[in-house]
Amino acid sequence: MFSKKNKVELDQQAISTFLSEGCVIEGNMKAPAFVRIEGTINGDVSIDEGLILGEKGVITGNIATKEMIVYGTVNGNINTHSLEIRTTGRITGDIKTQVLQVEPGGSHNGKLSMSAGVTEAKQKHAKPELVNA
């Protein structure tokens, strides 16, 4: 009766872009929907909706997205509304988020900035921005 609107978890979203293990991108990546990365990106990443970084995935650069789940390794700053660091996840860099979940074993080395109070309407219309190093 008082339940929140049914929301599909990021892990269950239809992935529109997939970068497989062994693939390497040298340069920036931008995508409009949901992305899963199992390969390596050496550059900044801007994803409008959500990003899953798989266990073999490595990003060396800044990341901006609405939702993110980290199973792999990030060397750079992250700006997101919601961040989950899973057991195998490793982040070295600053994080700016509103929601943070860290599983035992997951690690973060850097500054953490959490802000609350951004309305859902504002969040829907806001484009993610990259955090400057």
Protein backbone atom coordinates (compact mmCIF):
# COMPACT_ATOMS: atom_id res chain seq x y z
CA MET A 1 0.00 0.00 0.00
CA PHE A 2 2.75 2.46 0.92
CA SER A 3 5.45 0.88 -1.20
CA LYS A 4 7.71 2.97 -3.38
CA LYS A 5 7.35 2.91 -7.13
CA ASN A 6 8.73 -0.35 -8.52
CA LYS A 7 12.31 0.34 -9.55
CA VAL A 8 14.41 -2.13 -11.50
CA GLU A 9 17.81 -2.62 -9.88
CA LEU A 10 20.82 -1.62 -11.98
CA ASP A 11 21.98 -5.26 -12.04
CA GLN A 12 18.68 -6.17 -13.74
CA GLN A 13 18.58 -3.38 -16.36
CA ALA A 14 18.82 -4.13 -20.05
CA ILE A 15 22.41 -3.29 -21.05
CA SER A 16 22.65 -1.18 -24.21
CA THR A 17 26.47 -1.12 -24.41
CA PHE A 18 28.90 -3.87 -23.41
CA LEU A 19 32.69 -3.68 -23.45
CA SER A 20 34.03 -7.22 -23.10
CA GLU A 21 37.13 -8.48 -21.32
CA GLY A 22 40.27 -7.85 -23.38
CA CYS A 23 38.88 -4.75 -25.10
CA VAL A 24 40.77 -1.51 -24.46
CA ILE A 25 39.55 2.03 -25.15
CA GLU A 26 42.19 4.76 -25.20
CA GLY A 27 40.12 7.93 -24.90
CA ASN A 28 36.85 9.16 -23.46
CA MET A 29 33.59 7.20 -23.55
CA LYS A 30 30.08 8.65 -23.59
CA ALA A 31 26.83 6.65 -23.67
CA PRO A 32 23.14 7.53 -23.21
CA ALA A 33 21.82 4.44 -21.40
CA PHE A 34 23.09 1.46 -19.37
CA VAL A 35 26.64 0.18 -19.85
CA ARG A 36 28.58 -2.84 -18.59
CA ILE A 37 32.38 -2.74 -18.80
CA GLU A 38 34.52 -5.85 -18.45
CA GLY A 39 37.46 -4.39 -20.39
CA THR A 40 39.76 -1.39 -19.87
CA ILE A 41 39.11 2.30 -20.44
CA ASN A 42 41.93 4.83 -20.22
CA GLY A 43 39.96 8.06 -20.30
CA ASP A 44 36.92 9.76 -18.81
CA VAL A 45 33.55 7.99 -18.82
CA SER A 46 30.17 9.75 -18.97
CA ILE A 47 27.07 7.54 -18.88
CA ASP A 48 23.62 9.15 -18.64
CA GLU A 49 21.86 6.27 -16.86
CA GLY A 50 23.90 3.52 -15.21
CA LEU A 51 27.27 1.79 -15.26
CA ILE A 52 28.31 -1.66 -14.08
CA LEU A 53 32.06 -2.18 -13.88
CA GLY A 54 32.65 -5.94 -13.91
CA GLU A 55 35.33 -7.80 -11.92
CA LYS A 56 37.81 -7.66 -14.82
CA GLY A 57 36.89 -4.06 -15.68
CA VAL A 58 39.38 -1.23 -15.16
CA ILE A 59 38.74 2.49 -15.63
CA THR A 60 41.58 4.97 -15.37
CA GLY A 61 39.82 8.32 -15.58
CA ASN A 62 36.93 10.26 -14.12
CA ILE A 63 33.39 8.84 -14.16
CA ALA A 64 30.02 10.60 -14.25
CA THR A 65 26.77 8.59 -14.20
CA LYS A 66 23.44 8.38 -12.40
CA GLU A 67 23.97 4.91 -10.86
CA MET A 68 27.10 2.76 -10.59
CA ILE A 69 28.05 -0.68 -9.33
CA VAL A 70 31.78 -1.43 -9.00
CA TYR A 71 33.05 -5.01 -9.07
CA GLY A 72 36.33 -4.00 -10.73
CA THR A 73 38.94 -1.23 -10.38
CA VAL A 74 38.60 2.54 -10.72
CA ASN A 75 41.56 4.93 -10.67
CA GLY A 76 39.86 8.31 -10.86
CA ASN A 77 37.07 10.42 -9.43
CA ILE A 78 33.41 9.38 -9.45
CA ASN A 79 30.34 11.64 -9.55
CA THR A 80 27.08 9.68 -9.23
CA HIS A 81 23.75 9.69 -7.46
CA SER A 82 24.04 6.10 -6.24
CA LEU A 83 27.20 4.00 -5.82
CA GLU A 84 27.64 0.38 -4.79
CA ILE A 85 31.14 -1.00 -4.17
CA ARG A 86 31.00 -4.78 -4.21
CA THR A 87 33.38 -7.20 -2.48
CA THR A 88 35.86 -7.19 -5.37
CA GLY A 89 35.51 -3.44 -6.05
CA ARG A 90 38.51 -1.11 -5.68
CA ILE A 91 38.30 2.67 -6.03
CA THR A 92 41.25 5.06 -5.78
CA GLY A 93 39.98 8.61 -6.15
CA ASP A 94 37.38 11.00 -4.83
CA ILE A 95 33.69 10.08 -4.70
CA LYS A 96 30.75 12.47 -4.83
CA THR A 97 27.43 10.67 -4.27
CA GLN A 98 24.14 10.79 -2.39
CA VAL A 99 23.79 7.06 -1.76
CA LEU A 100 26.69 4.74 -0.92
CA GLN A 101 26.75 1.02 -0.22
CA VAL A 102 30.01 -0.85 0.41
CA GLU A 103 30.13 -4.62 0.82
CA PRO A 104 32.72 -6.17 3.16
CA GLY A 105 35.96 -6.42 1.18
CA GLY A 106 35.18 -3.48 -1.10
CA SER A 107 37.64 -0.60 -0.80
CA HIS A 108 37.87 3.14 -1.40
CA ASN A 109 40.95 5.31 -0.98
CA GLY A 110 40.22 9.00 -1.42
CA LYS A 111 37.81 11.70 -0.31
CA LEU A 112 34.09 11.01 0.04
CA SER A 113 31.49 13.75 -0.33
CA MET A 114 27.87 12.85 0.32
CA SER A 115 25.04 15.30 -0.15
CA ALA A 116 21.34 14.84 0.49
CA GLY A 117 18.30 16.82 -0.43
CA VAL A 118 18.48 16.82 -4.23
CA THR A 119 14.94 16.14 -5.33
CA GLU A 120 14.13 13.32 -7.70
CA ALA A 121 12.77 15.81 -10.24
CA LYS A 122 16.03 17.77 -10.22
CA GLN A 123 18.00 14.53 -10.53
CA LYS A 124 15.99 13.39 -13.56
CA HIS A 125 16.78 16.58 -15.45
CA ALA A 126 20.37 16.94 -14.31
CA LYS A 127 23.13 15.63 -16.51
CA PRO A 128 26.03 13.97 -14.68
CA GLU A 129 29.18 16.07 -14.47
CA LEU A 130 32.75 14.88 -14.28
CA VAL A 131 34.60 15.60 -11.04
CA ASN A 132 37.75 17.61 -11.68
CA ALA A 133 40.95 16.02 -10.41
